Amino acid sequence: MNTFLYEVAGIDGDYANLRRTDIESDELKLVARALLPAEISEGTKLKYEWMQYEIIE
């Protein structure tokens, strides 16, 4: 399974905009906050693996 690294670029209500950090990309991915860890804030780094997001340092 692939692993993707993201950073929370912004939070807008029930959604968060994520930016890939493991590749060069300006595109944002809109993700429902219900799918993300509750503790996220702007700038939080995330790892997506096995259909789950987790906070990384």
Protein backbone atom coordinates (compact mmCIF):
# COMPACT_ATOMS: atom_id res chain seq x y z
CA MET A 1 0.00 0.00 0.00
CA ASN A 2 1.22 3.50 -0.75
CA THR A 3 2.07 6.08 1.89
CA PHE A 4 1.42 9.80 1.36
CA LEU A 5 2.58 12.73 3.48
CA TYR A 6 0.44 15.86 3.92
CA GLU A 7 0.37 19.12 5.81
CA VAL A 8 -2.87 20.80 6.87
CA ALA A 9 -2.96 23.98 4.76
CA GLY A 10 -6.22 25.26 6.19
CA ILE A 11 -9.41 24.33 7.99
CA ASP A 12 -12.81 25.44 6.76
CA GLY A 13 -15.66 24.24 8.97
CA ASP A 14 -16.10 20.48 8.57
CA TYR A 15 -13.34 20.21 5.97
CA ALA A 16 -9.56 20.56 5.85
CA ASN A 17 -7.35 21.39 2.89
CA LEU A 18 -4.29 19.15 2.74
CA ARG A 19 -1.11 19.78 0.74
CA ARG A 20 1.17 16.89 -0.26
CA THR A 21 4.66 17.25 1.16
CA ASP A 22 6.28 14.10 -0.23
CA ILE A 23 6.14 15.46 -3.81
CA GLU A 24 6.19 18.91 -5.43
CA SER A 25 2.55 19.91 -5.77
CA ASP A 26 0.48 23.07 -5.35
CA GLU A 27 -2.81 21.15 -5.44
CA LEU A 28 -4.90 20.92 -2.30
CA LYS A 29 -6.97 17.91 -1.29
CA LEU A 30 -10.28 18.62 0.46
CA VAL A 31 -10.93 16.06 3.20
CA ALA A 32 -13.80 15.81 5.69
CA ARG A 33 -12.52 16.47 9.21
CA ALA A 34 -14.38 13.37 10.41
CA LEU A 35 -11.72 11.32 8.57
CA LEU A 36 -8.83 13.16 10.26
CA PRO A 37 -7.48 13.04 13.82
CA ALA A 38 -9.46 15.43 16.08
CA GLU A 39 -6.28 17.23 17.24
CA ILE A 40 -5.34 18.71 13.85
CA SER A 41 -4.70 22.40 13.30
CA GLU A 42 -3.12 24.40 10.48
CA GLY A 43 0.43 23.17 9.93
CA THR A 44 -0.15 19.69 11.36
CA LYS A 45 1.79 17.02 9.46
CA LEU A 46 -0.09 13.85 8.55
CA LYS A 47 0.69 10.44 7.12
CA TYR A 48 -1.95 8.65 5.03
CA GLU A 49 -1.54 4.89 4.93
CA TRP A 50 -3.98 1.98 4.79
CA MET A 51 -6.89 4.41 4.32
CA GLN A 52 -6.16 6.21 7.62
CA TYR A 53 -4.60 9.55 8.53
CA GLU A 54 -2.27 9.87 11.52
CA ILE A 55 -0.34 12.78 12.96
CA ILE A 56 3.45 12.65 12.58
CA GLU A 57 6.16 14.86 14.03
